[in-house]
Structure formats: structure tokens, C-alpha cells
Amino acid sequence: VRRLFKEKLAITQDLNFITHHPATTENVFVYEYEDGPGPDRNNLAFNLTQNYSSPWNTRILELLCQELQARREEENWPIKKSDNYIMDILWERYKRLQMVWRNA
């Protein structure tokens, strides 16, 4: 999970997350209330003013979960974990990074 966050968010350590550019209010609003396109899979930007359970952030975490499960399949990892298990880990990771960003 750490490696995935580092690759997808271009950070080498948690402190680098303070430079994360959050999603624009407009993009989040359009996605959540007007059926907009949602987060860009190639340029993930969290809505850091909201918790992990917001529709925008949940979608990003779902995309990360899908990516992790695809890697598991491609690389034949010996242990399979459920999506719920992985989502719990992703939620915790998001909460830690959000705290780093807010405390900066």
C-alpha cells in the first residue's frame, strides 16, 4: 500500500504529502452533485477538506484498491486479501496523510 501511494501520488515519504495539490472544489462538486467525470486515474488528487468516506475520496480509494488487486494478480502474490480488507488499510493510510497535510 505504501508503494502504491508513493507511485500514484509521486511522494517518497509521508512528509512530501504536504505539497499535494488537492482536488478543486469545482471538480469535486461536479462529481458529487452533477454526475461529473470524477477523479483522474492518472493524476489522483484527494479532497483533503473531507474525510475518506466522501464520494470523491472513496472513488480514489476504490481506484487504488483495484490497482493493488490487479498487481496482486499480475505478480502472483501468494496471499489474497479481500477488497474490504484492502480498503480498510487504504482508509487508514489516507487518514495519516491527511493529518500530515493539515498539520503542515
PDB file of N, CA and C in Angstrom:
ATOM      1  N   VAL A   1       0.831  -1.193   0.000  1.00  0.00           N
ATOM      2  CA  VAL A   1       0.000   0.000   0.000  1.00  0.00           C
ATOM      3  C   VAL A   1       0.874   1.254   0.000  1.00  0.00           C
ATOM      4  N   ARG A   2       1.923   1.248   0.803  1.00  0.00           N
ATOM      5  CA  ARG A   2       2.812   2.415   0.821  1.00  0.00           C
ATOM      6  C   ARG A   2       3.412   2.669  -0.553  1.00  0.00           C
ATOM      7  N   ARG A   3       3.881   1.608  -1.201  1.00  0.00           N
ATOM      8  CA  ARG A   3       4.487   1.754  -2.523  1.00  0.00           C
ATOM      9  C   ARG A   3       3.476   2.297  -3.533  1.00  0.00           C
ATOM     10  N   LEU A   4       2.256   1.810  -3.456  1.00  0.00           N
ATOM     11  CA  LEU A   4       1.214   2.272  -4.365  1.00  0.00           C
ATOM     12  C   LEU A   4       0.938   3.761  -4.166  1.00  0.00           C
ATOM     13  N   PHE A   5       0.807   4.196  -2.918  1.00  0.00           N
ATOM     14  CA  PHE A   5       0.590   5.625  -2.646  1.00  0.00           C
ATOM     15  C   PHE A   5       1.773   6.446  -3.153  1.00  0.00           C
ATOM     16  N   LYS A   6       2.970   5.960  -2.933  1.00  0.00           N
ATOM     17  CA  LYS A   6       4.156   6.695  -3.381  1.00  0.00           C
ATOM     18  C   LYS A   6       4.172   6.845  -4.892  1.00  0.00           C
ATOM     19  N   GLU A   7       3.850   5.769  -5.588  1.00  0.00           N
ATOM     20  CA  GLU A   7       3.860   5.821  -7.046  1.00  0.00           C
ATOM     21  C   GLU A   7       2.735   6.686  -7.603  1.00  0.00           C
ATOM     22  N   LYS A   8       1.540   6.501  -7.110  1.00  0.00           N
ATOM     23  CA  LYS A   8       0.380   7.201  -7.659  1.00  0.00           C
ATOM     24  C   LYS A   8       0.332   8.675  -7.264  1.00  0.00           C
ATOM     25  N   LEU A   9       0.912   9.016  -6.108  1.00  0.00           N
ATOM     26  CA  LEU A   9       0.872  10.399  -5.638  1.00  0.00           C
ATOM     27  C   LEU A   9       2.228  11.092  -5.755  1.00  0.00           C
ATOM     28  N   ALA A  10       3.211  10.393  -6.303  1.00  0.00           N
ATOM     29  CA  ALA A  10       4.551  10.954  -6.528  1.00  0.00           C
ATOM     30  C   ALA A  10       5.167  11.497  -5.237  1.00  0.00           C
ATOM     31  N   ILE A  11       5.119  10.695  -4.182  1.00  0.00           N
ATOM     32  CA  ILE A  11       5.752  11.078  -2.923  1.00  0.00           C
ATOM     33  C   ILE A  11       6.743   9.991  -2.529  1.00  0.00           C
ATOM     34  N   THR A  12       7.842  10.398  -1.906  1.00  0.00           N
ATOM     35  CA  THR A  12       8.828   9.420  -1.465  1.00  0.00           C
ATOM     36  C   THR A  12       8.699   9.110   0.021  1.00  0.00           C
ATOM     37  N   GLN A  13       8.102  10.039   0.758  1.00  0.00           N
ATOM     38  CA  GLN A  13       7.831   9.811   2.172  1.00  0.00           C
ATOM     39  C   GLN A  13       6.612  10.637   2.563  1.00  0.00           C
ATOM     40  N   ASP A  14       6.049  10.331   3.719  1.00  0.00           N
ATOM     41  CA  ASP A  14       4.810  10.998   4.138  1.00  0.00           C
ATOM     42  C   ASP A  14       4.925  12.516   4.144  1.00  0.00           C
ATOM     43  N   LEU A  15       6.060  13.045   4.574  1.00  0.00           N
ATOM     44  CA  LEU A  15       6.218  14.495   4.643  1.00  0.00           C
ATOM     45  C   LEU A  15       6.106  15.167   3.283  1.00  0.00           C
ATOM     46  N   ASN A  16       6.416  14.444   2.219  1.00  0.00           N
ATOM     47  CA  ASN A  16       6.266  15.007   0.877  1.00  0.00           C
ATOM     48  C   ASN A  16       4.810  15.296   0.538  1.00  0.00           C
ATOM     49  N   PHE A  17       3.901  14.693   1.291  1.00  0.00           N
ATOM     50  CA  PHE A  17       2.478  14.875   1.014  1.00  0.00           C
ATOM     51  C   PHE A  17       2.014  16.307   1.301  1.00  0.00           C
ATOM     52  N   ILE A  18       2.800  17.049   2.048  1.00  0.00           N
ATOM     53  CA  ILE A  18       2.398  18.434   2.338  1.00  0.00           C
ATOM     54  C   ILE A  18       2.332  19.267   1.061  1.00  0.00           C
ATOM     55  N   THR A  19       2.987  18.827  -0.002  1.00  0.00           N
ATOM     56  CA  THR A  19       2.942  19.557  -1.270  1.00  0.00           C
ATOM     57  C   THR A  19       1.841  19.037  -2.198  1.00  0.00           C
ATOM     58  N   HIS A  20       1.055  18.084  -1.704  1.00  0.00           N
ATOM     59  CA  HIS A  20      -0.031  17.519  -2.513  1.00  0.00           C
ATOM     60  C   HIS A  20      -1.021  18.613  -2.888  1.00  0.00           C
ATOM     61  N   HIS A  21      -1.382  18.662  -4.147  1.00  0.00           N
ATOM     62  CA  HIS A  21      -2.372  19.627  -4.630  1.00  0.00           C
ATOM     63  C   HIS A  21      -3.735  18.957  -4.598  1.00  0.00           C
ATOM     64  N   PRO A  22      -4.588  19.394  -3.684  1.00  0.00           N
ATOM     65  CA  PRO A  22      -5.903  18.753  -3.569  1.00  0.00           C
ATOM     66  C   PRO A  22      -6.784  19.004  -4.789  1.00  0.00           C
ATOM     67  N   ALA A  23      -7.823  18.211  -4.881  1.00  0.00           N
ATOM     68  CA  ALA A  23      -8.797  18.385  -5.960  1.00  0.00           C
ATOM     69  C   ALA A  23      -9.461  19.747  -5.839  1.00  0.00           C
ATOM     70  N   THR A  24      -9.821  20.300  -6.963  1.00  0.00           N
ATOM     71  CA  THR A  24     -10.503  21.597  -6.927  1.00  0.00           C
ATOM     72  C   THR A  24     -11.932  21.403  -6.412  1.00  0.00           C
ATOM     73  N   THR A  25     -12.421  22.410  -5.758  1.00  0.00           N
ATOM     74  CA  THR A  25     -13.786  22.380  -5.236  1.00  0.00           C
ATOM     75  C   THR A  25     -14.777  22.165  -6.370  1.00  0.00           C
ATOM     76  N   GLU A  26     -14.513  22.795  -7.498  1.00  0.00           N
ATOM     77  CA  GLU A  26     -15.407  22.668  -8.660  1.00  0.00           C
ATOM     78  C   GLU A  26     -15.475  21.219  -9.148  1.00  0.00           C
ATOM     79  N   ASN A  27     -14.319  20.566  -9.314  1.00  0.00           N
ATOM     80  CA  ASN A  27     -14.313  19.180  -9.788  1.00  0.00           C
ATOM     81  C   ASN A  27     -15.035  18.253  -8.826  1.00  0.00           C
ATOM     82  N   VAL A  28     -14.817  18.461  -7.537  1.00  0.00           N
ATOM     83  CA  VAL A  28     -15.466  17.626  -6.527  1.00  0.00           C
ATOM     84  C   VAL A  28     -16.977  17.844  -6.571  1.00  0.00           C
ATOM     85  N   PHE A  29     -17.400  19.104  -6.629  1.00  0.00           N
ATOM     86  CA  PHE A  29     -18.825  19.417  -6.662  1.00  0.00           C
ATOM     87  C   PHE A  29     -19.503  18.789  -7.875  1.00  0.00           C
ATOM     88  N   VAL A  30     -18.886  18.953  -9.039  1.00  0.00           N
ATOM     89  CA  VAL A  30     -19.472  18.418 -10.268  1.00  0.00           C
ATOM     90  C   VAL A  30     -19.591  16.895 -10.186  1.00  0.00           C
ATOM     91  N   TYR A  31     -18.612  16.246  -9.606  1.00  0.00           N
ATOM     92  CA  TYR A  31     -18.664  14.780  -9.467  1.00  0.00           C
ATOM     93  C   TYR A  31     -19.743  14.363  -8.466  1.00  0.00           C
ATOM     94  N   GLU A  32     -19.785  15.027  -7.336  1.00  0.00           N
ATOM     95  CA  GLU A  32     -20.675  14.595  -6.261  1.00  0.00           C
ATOM     96  C   GLU A  32     -22.131  15.005  -6.470  1.00  0.00           C
ATOM     97  N   TYR A  33     -22.374  16.107  -7.182  1.00  0.00           N
ATOM     98  CA  TYR A  33     -23.746  16.613  -7.291  1.00  0.00           C
ATOM     99  C   TYR A  33     -24.281  16.729  -8.708  1.00  0.00           C
ATOM    100  N   GLU A  34     -23.411  16.634  -9.705  1.00  0.00           N
ATOM    101  CA  GLU A  34     -23.876  16.838 -11.077  1.00  0.00           C
ATOM    102  C   GLU A  34     -23.416  15.740 -12.029  1.00  0.00           C
ATOM    103  N   ASP A  35     -23.040  14.591 -11.501  1.00  0.00           N
ATOM    104  CA  ASP A  35     -22.644  13.457 -12.327  1.00  0.00           C
ATOM    105  C   ASP A  35     -21.444  13.777 -13.223  1.00  0.00           C
ATOM    106  N   GLY A  36     -20.450  14.460 -12.631  1.00  0.00           N
ATOM    107  CA  GLY A  36     -19.224  14.797 -13.358  1.00  0.00           C
ATOM    108  C   GLY A  36     -18.327  13.580 -13.509  1.00  0.00           C
ATOM    109  N   PRO A  37     -17.195  13.745 -14.192  1.00  0.00           N
ATOM    110  CA  PRO A  37     -16.331  12.609 -14.522  1.00  0.00           C
ATOM    111  C   PRO A  37     -15.588  11.982 -13.346  1.00  0.00           C
ATOM    112  N   GLY A  38     -15.378  12.693 -12.278  1.00  0.00           N
ATOM    113  CA  GLY A  38     -14.687  12.115 -11.125  1.00  0.00           C
ATOM    114  C   GLY A  38     -13.184  12.261 -11.201  1.00  0.00           C
ATOM    115  N   PRO A  39     -12.495  11.617 -10.256  1.00  0.00           N
ATOM    116  CA  PRO A  39     -11.035  11.739 -10.180  1.00  0.00           C
ATOM    117  C   PRO A  39     -10.342  11.204 -11.437  1.00  0.00           C
ATOM    118  N   ASP A  40      -9.264  11.858 -11.790  1.00  0.00           N
ATOM    119  CA  ASP A  40      -8.439  11.441 -12.928  1.00  0.00           C
ATOM    120  C   ASP A  40      -7.517  10.322 -12.465  1.00  0.00           C
ATOM    121  N   ARG A  41      -7.696   9.157 -13.002  1.00  0.00           N
ATOM    122  CA  ARG A  41      -6.908   7.974 -12.629  1.00  0.00           C
ATOM    123  C   ARG A  41      -5.397   8.212 -12.772  1.00  0.00           C
ATOM    124  N   ASN A  42      -5.011   9.081 -13.697  1.00  0.00           N
ATOM    125  CA  ASN A  42      -3.592   9.335 -13.951  1.00  0.00           C
ATOM    126  C   ASN A  42      -3.034  10.512 -13.165  1.00  0.00           C
ATOM    127  N   ASN A  43      -3.899  11.231 -12.469  1.00  0.00           N
ATOM    128  CA  ASN A  43      -3.462  12.381 -11.686  1.00  0.00           C
ATOM    129  C   ASN A  43      -4.359  12.490 -10.453  1.00  0.00           C
ATOM    130  N   LEU A  44      -4.184  11.557  -9.528  1.00  0.00           N
ATOM    131  CA  LEU A  44      -5.060  11.494  -8.364  1.00  0.00           C
ATOM    132  C   LEU A  44      -4.860  12.688  -7.448  1.00  0.00           C
ATOM    133  N   ALA A  45      -5.973  13.294  -7.072  1.00  0.00           N
ATOM    134  CA  ALA A  45      -5.948  14.443  -6.172  1.00  0.00           C
ATOM    135  C   ALA A  45      -7.085  14.278  -5.172  1.00  0.00           C
ATOM    136  N   PHE A  46      -6.730  14.081  -3.920  1.00  0.00           N
ATOM    137  CA  PHE A  46      -7.734  13.916  -2.872  1.00  0.00           C
ATOM    138  C   PHE A  46      -8.434  15.232  -2.563  1.00  0.00           C
ATOM    139  N   ASN A  47      -9.632  15.124  -2.022  1.00  0.00           N
ATOM    140  CA  ASN A  47     -10.352  16.266  -1.469  1.00  0.00           C
ATOM    141  C   ASN A  47      -9.987  16.290   0.015  1.00  0.00           C
ATOM    142  N   LEU A  48      -8.933  16.983   0.351  1.00  0.00           N
ATOM    143  CA  LEU A  48      -8.369  16.938   1.697  1.00  0.00           C
ATOM    144  C   LEU A  48      -9.189  17.689   2.732  1.00  0.00           C
ATOM    145  N   THR A  49     -10.216  18.393   2.297  1.00  0.00           N
ATOM    146  CA  THR A  49     -11.092  19.057   3.265  1.00  0.00           C
ATOM    147  C   THR A  49     -12.136  18.089   3.807  1.00  0.00           C
ATOM    148  N   GLN A  50     -12.234  16.916   3.203  1.00  0.00           N
ATOM    149  CA  GLN A  50     -13.213  15.910   3.610  1.00  0.00           C
ATOM    150  C   GLN A  50     -12.510  14.636   4.064  1.00  0.00           C
ATOM    151  N   ASN A  51     -13.236  13.801   4.777  1.00  0.00           N
ATOM    152  CA  ASN A  51     -12.623  12.551   5.232  1.00  0.00           C
ATOM    153  C   ASN A  51     -12.643  11.510   4.114  1.00  0.00           C
ATOM    154  N   TYR A  52     -12.163  10.342   4.445  1.00  0.00           N
ATOM    155  CA  TYR A  52     -12.019   9.280   3.450  1.00  0.00           C
ATOM    156  C   TYR A  52     -13.359   8.793   2.898  1.00  0.00           C
ATOM    157  N   SER A  53     -14.450   9.028   3.627  1.00  0.00           N
ATOM    158  CA  SER A  53     -15.737   8.483   3.198  1.00  0.00           C
ATOM    159  C   SER A  53     -16.518   9.412   2.265  1.00  0.00           C
ATOM    160  N   SER A  54     -15.947  10.558   1.917  1.00  0.00           N
ATOM    161  CA  SER A  54     -16.632  11.415   0.949  1.00  0.00           C
ATOM    162  C   SER A  54     -16.682  10.677  -0.394  1.00  0.00           C
ATOM    163  N   PRO A  55     -17.690  10.948  -1.216  1.00  0.00           N
ATOM    164  CA  PRO A  55     -17.777  10.244  -2.509  1.00  0.00           C
ATOM    165  C   PRO A  55     -16.504  10.369  -3.351  1.00  0.00           C
ATOM    166  N   TRP A  56     -15.902  11.556  -3.384  1.00  0.00           N
ATOM    167  CA  TRP A  56     -14.686  11.781  -4.179  1.00  0.00           C
ATOM    168  C   TRP A  56     -13.534  10.921  -3.658  1.00  0.00           C
ATOM    169  N   ASN A  57     -13.272  11.009  -2.367  1.00  0.00           N
ATOM    170  CA  ASN A  57     -12.155  10.260  -1.785  1.00  0.00           C
ATOM    171  C   ASN A  57     -12.402   8.760  -1.824  1.00  0.00           C
ATOM    172  N   THR A  58     -13.644   8.349  -1.623  1.00  0.00           N
ATOM    173  CA  THR A  58     -13.970   6.928  -1.714  1.00  0.00           C
ATOM    174  C   THR A  58     -13.664   6.404  -3.108  1.00  0.00           C
ATOM    175  N   ARG A  59     -13.983   7.185  -4.121  1.00  0.00           N
ATOM    176  CA  ARG A  59     -13.697   6.760  -5.504  1.00  0.00           C
ATOM    177  C   ARG A  59     -12.196   6.603  -5.722  1.00  0.00           C
ATOM    178  N   ILE A  60     -11.415   7.527  -5.217  1.00  0.00           N
ATOM    179  CA  ILE A  60      -9.961   7.411  -5.354  1.00  0.00           C
ATOM    180  C   ILE A  60      -9.467   6.148  -4.654  1.00  0.00           C
ATOM    181  N   LEU A  61      -9.954   5.905  -3.458  1.00  0.00           N
ATOM    182  CA  LEU A  61      -9.519   4.716  -2.721  1.00  0.00           C
ATOM    183  C   LEU A  61      -9.973   3.436  -3.423  1.00  0.00           C
ATOM    184  N   GLU A  62     -11.124   3.462  -4.067  1.00  0.00           N
ATOM    185  CA  GLU A  62     -11.568   2.314  -4.860  1.00  0.00           C
ATOM    186  C   GLU A  62     -10.630   2.076  -6.047  1.00  0.00           C
ATOM    187  N   LEU A  63     -10.223   3.157  -6.705  1.00  0.00           N
ATOM    188  CA  LEU A  63      -9.276   3.031  -7.822  1.00  0.00           C
ATOM    189  C   LEU A  63      -7.948   2.437  -7.343  1.00  0.00           C
ATOM    190  N   LEU A  64      -7.482   2.892  -6.189  1.00  0.00           N
ATOM    191  CA  LEU A  64      -6.231   2.359  -5.633  1.00  0.00           C
ATOM    192  C   LEU A  64      -6.389   0.888  -5.257  1.00  0.00           C
ATOM    193  N   CYS A  65      -7.535   0.525  -4.727  1.00  0.00           N
ATOM    194  CA  CYS A  65      -7.806  -0.866  -4.382  1.00  0.00           C
ATOM    195  C   CYS A  65      -7.785  -1.739  -5.641  1.00  0.00           C
ATOM    196  N   GLN A  66      -8.428  -1.271  -6.695  1.00  0.00           N
ATOM    197  CA  GLN A  66      -8.431  -2.003  -7.962  1.00  0.00           C
ATOM    198  C   GLN A  66      -7.015  -2.180  -8.493  1.00  0.00           C
ATOM    199  N   GLU A  67      -6.222  -1.131  -8.405  1.00  0.00           N
ATOM    200  CA  GLU A  67      -4.831  -1.183  -8.863  1.00  0.00           C
ATOM    201  C   GLU A  67      -4.038  -2.203  -8.056  1.00  0.00           C
ATOM    202  N   LEU A  68      -4.214  -2.191  -6.752  1.00  0.00           N
ATOM    203  CA  LEU A  68      -3.491  -3.125  -5.890  1.00  0.00           C
ATOM    204  C   LEU A  68      -3.905  -4.567  -6.177  1.00  0.00           C
ATOM    205  N   GLN A  69      -5.180  -4.798  -6.355  1.00  0.00           N
ATOM    206  CA  GLN A  69      -5.656  -6.156  -6.656  1.00  0.00           C
ATOM    207  C   GLN A  69      -5.152  -6.618  -8.030  1.00  0.00           C
ATOM    208  N   ALA A  70      -5.083  -5.703  -8.985  1.00  0.00           N
ATOM    209  CA  ALA A  70      -4.559  -6.058 -10.310  1.00  0.00           C
ATOM    210  C   ALA A  70      -3.078  -6.432 -10.218  1.00  0.00           C
ATOM    211  N   ARG A  71      -2.324  -5.694  -9.429  1.00  0.00           N
ATOM    212  CA  ARG A  71      -0.905  -6.021  -9.236  1.00  0.00           C
ATOM    213  C   ARG A  71      -0.746  -7.383  -8.588  1.00  0.00           C
ATOM    214  N   ARG A  72      -1.613  -7.658  -7.612  1.00  0.00           N
ATOM    215  CA  ARG A  72      -1.554  -8.953  -6.932  1.00  0.00           C
ATOM    216  C   ARG A  72      -1.732 -10.087  -7.942  1.00  0.00           C
ATOM    217  N   GLU A  73      -2.695  -9.914  -8.843  1.00  0.00           N
ATOM    218  CA  GLU A  73      -2.942 -10.925  -9.876  1.00  0.00           C
ATOM    219  C   GLU A  73      -1.753 -11.057 -10.824  1.00  0.00           C
ATOM    220  N   GLU A  74      -1.275  -9.913 -11.320  1.00  0.00           N
ATOM    221  CA  GLU A  74      -0.176  -9.921 -12.297  1.00  0.00           C
ATOM    222  C   GLU A  74       1.112 -10.498 -11.720  1.00  0.00           C
ATOM    223  N   GLU A  75       1.380 -10.184 -10.452  1.00  0.00           N
ATOM    224  CA  GLU A  75       2.628 -10.600  -9.827  1.00  0.00           C
ATOM    225  C   GLU A  75       2.490 -11.900  -9.034  1.00  0.00           C
ATOM    226  N   ASN A  76       1.301 -12.501  -9.100  1.00  0.00           N
ATOM    227  CA  ASN A  76       1.045 -13.778  -8.413  1.00  0.00           C
ATOM    228  C   ASN A  76       1.434 -13.755  -6.945  1.00  0.00           C
ATOM    229  N   TRP A  77       0.927 -12.766  -6.221  1.00  0.00           N
ATOM    230  CA  TRP A  77       1.218 -12.705  -4.789  1.00  0.00           C
ATOM    231  C   TRP A  77       0.639 -13.947  -4.115  1.00  0.00           C
ATOM    232  N   PRO A  78       1.332 -14.499  -3.151  1.00  0.00           N
ATOM    233  CA  PRO A  78       0.872 -15.751  -2.530  1.00  0.00           C
ATOM    234  C   PRO A  78      -0.371 -15.606  -1.653  1.00  0.00           C
ATOM    235  N   ILE A  79      -0.652 -14.403  -1.193  1.00  0.00           N
ATOM    236  CA  ILE A  79      -1.783 -14.205  -0.286  1.00  0.00           C
ATOM    237  C   ILE A  79      -2.786 -13.263  -0.941  1.00  0.00           C
ATOM    238  N   LYS A  80      -4.029 -13.694  -0.935  1.00  0.00           N
ATOM    239  CA  LYS A  80      -5.102 -12.859  -1.479  1.00  0.00           C
ATOM    240  C   LYS A  80      -5.861 -12.244  -0.314  1.00  0.00           C
ATOM    241  N   LYS A  81      -6.093 -10.936  -0.395  1.00  0.00           N
ATOM    242  CA  LYS A  81      -6.864 -10.211   0.615  1.00  0.00           C
ATOM    243  C   LYS A  81      -8.142  -9.678  -0.032  1.00  0.00           C
ATOM    244  N   SER A  82      -9.193  -9.592   0.747  1.00  0.00           N
ATOM    245  CA  SER A  82     -10.469  -9.095   0.230  1.00  0.00           C
ATOM    246  C   SER A  82     -10.385  -7.595  -0.029  1.00  0.00           C
ATOM    247  N   ASP A  83     -11.284  -7.117  -0.868  1.00  0.00           N
ATOM    248  CA  ASP A  83     -11.354  -5.676  -1.129  1.00  0.00           C
ATOM    249  C   ASP A  83     -11.632  -4.909   0.165  1.00  0.00           C
ATOM    250  N   ASN A  84     -12.482  -5.454   1.018  1.00  0.00           N
ATOM    251  CA  ASN A  84     -12.790  -4.780   2.285  1.00  0.00           C
ATOM    252  C   ASN A  84     -11.551  -4.629   3.151  1.00  0.00           C
ATOM    253  N   TYR A  85     -10.742  -5.658   3.200  1.00  0.00           N
ATOM    254  CA  TYR A  85      -9.501  -5.612   3.981  1.00  0.00           C
ATOM    255  C   TYR A  85      -8.570  -4.526   3.427  1.00  0.00           C
ATOM    256  N   ILE A  86      -8.412  -4.509   2.123  1.00  0.00           N
ATOM    257  CA  ILE A  86      -7.537  -3.525   1.487  1.00  0.00           C
ATOM    258  C   ILE A  86      -8.095  -2.118   1.666  1.00  0.00           C
ATOM    259  N   MET A  87      -9.394  -1.957   1.523  1.00  0.00           N
ATOM    260  CA  MET A  87     -10.000  -0.626   1.711  1.00  0.00           C
ATOM    261  C   MET A  87      -9.764  -0.118   3.127  1.00  0.00           C
ATOM    262  N   ASP A  88      -9.838  -0.983   4.121  1.00  0.00           N
ATOM    263  CA  ASP A  88      -9.547  -0.566   5.497  1.00  0.00           C
ATOM    264  C   ASP A  88      -8.133  -0.020   5.618  1.00  0.00           C
ATOM    265  N   ILE A  89      -7.184  -0.688   4.991  1.00  0.00           N
ATOM    266  CA  ILE A  89      -5.789  -0.234   5.025  1.00  0.00           C
ATOM    267  C   ILE A  89      -5.644   1.093   4.279  1.00  0.00           C
ATOM    268  N   LEU A  90      -6.298   1.214   3.134  1.00  0.00           N
ATOM    269  CA  LEU A  90      -6.241   2.452   2.358  1.00  0.00           C
ATOM    270  C   LEU A  90      -6.863   3.610   3.133  1.00  0.00           C
ATOM    271  N   TRP A  91      -7.974   3.364   3.826  1.00  0.00           N
ATOM    272  CA  TRP A  91      -8.607   4.422   4.633  1.00  0.00           C
ATOM    273  C   TRP A  91      -7.659   4.915   5.704  1.00  0.00           C
ATOM    274  N   GLU A  92      -7.000   3.975   6.375  1.00  0.00           N
ATOM    275  CA  GLU A  92      -6.057   4.358   7.431  1.00  0.00           C
ATOM    276  C   GLU A  92      -4.892   5.157   6.856  1.00  0.00           C
ATOM    277  N   ARG A  93      -4.418   4.738   5.719  1.00  0.00           N
ATOM    278  CA  ARG A  93      -3.307   5.447   5.068  1.00  0.00           C
ATOM    279  C   ARG A  93      -3.727   6.865   4.693  1.00  0.00           C
ATOM    280  N   TYR A  94      -4.929   6.991   4.131  1.00  0.00           N
ATOM    281  CA  TYR A  94      -5.432   8.320   3.781  1.00  0.00           C
ATOM    282  C   TYR A  94      -5.514   9.202   5.027  1.00  0.00           C
ATOM    283  N   LYS A  95      -6.050   8.673   6.105  1.00  0.00           N
ATOM    284  CA  LYS A  95      -6.194   9.464   7.333  1.00  0.00           C
ATOM    285  C   LYS A  95      -4.843   9.969   7.827  1.00  0.00           C
ATOM    286  N   ARG A  96      -3.815   9.124   7.750  1.00  0.00           N
ATOM    287  CA  ARG A  96      -2.470   9.556   8.177  1.00  0.00           C
ATOM    288  C   ARG A  96      -1.937  10.666   7.271  1.00  0.00           C
ATOM    289  N   LEU A  97      -2.082  10.487   5.977  1.00  0.00           N
ATOM    290  CA  LEU A  97      -1.582  11.501   5.043  1.00  0.00           C
ATOM    291  C   LEU A  97      -2.376  12.799   5.148  1.00  0.00           C
ATOM    292  N   GLN A  98      -3.671  12.698   5.367  1.00  0.00           N
ATOM    293  CA  GLN A  98      -4.480  13.910   5.551  1.00  0.00           C
ATOM    294  C   GLN A  98      -4.017  14.669   6.779  1.00  0.00           C
ATOM    295  N   MET A  99      -3.674  13.950   7.838  1.00  0.00           N
ATOM    296  CA  MET A  99      -3.206  14.592   9.049  1.00  0.00           C
ATOM    297  C   MET A  99      -1.869  15.306   8.800  1.00  0.00           C
ATOM    298  N   VAL A 100      -0.974  14.674   8.050  1.00  0.00           N
ATOM    299  CA  VAL A 100       0.300  15.313   7.696  1.00  0.00           C
ATOM    300  C   VAL A 100       0.019  16.600   6.929  1.00  0.00           C
ATOM    301  N   TRP A 101      -0.873  16.543   5.957  1.00  0.00           N
ATOM    302  CA  TRP A 101      -1.182  17.705   5.121  1.00  0.00           C
ATOM    303  C   TRP A 101      -1.799  18.827   5.963  1.00  0.00           C
ATOM    304  N   ARG A 102      -2.740  18.490   6.830  1.00  0.00           N
ATOM    305  CA  ARG A 102      -3.411  19.501   7.653  1.00  0.00           C
ATOM    306  C   ARG A 102      -2.474  20.138   8.674  1.00  0.00           C
ATOM    307  N   ASN A 103      -1.517  19.371   9.170  1.00  0.00           N
ATOM    308  CA  ASN A 103      -0.591  19.897  10.192  1.00  0.00           C
ATOM    309  C   ASN A 103       0.538  20.726   9.585  1.00  0.00           C
ATOM    310  N   ALA A 104       0.625  20.733   8.268  1.00  0.00           N
ATOM    311  CA  ALA A 104       1.723  21.476   7.616  1.00  0.00           C
ATOM    312  C   ALA A 104       1.484  22.968   7.647  1.00  0.00           C
TER     313      ALA A 104
END
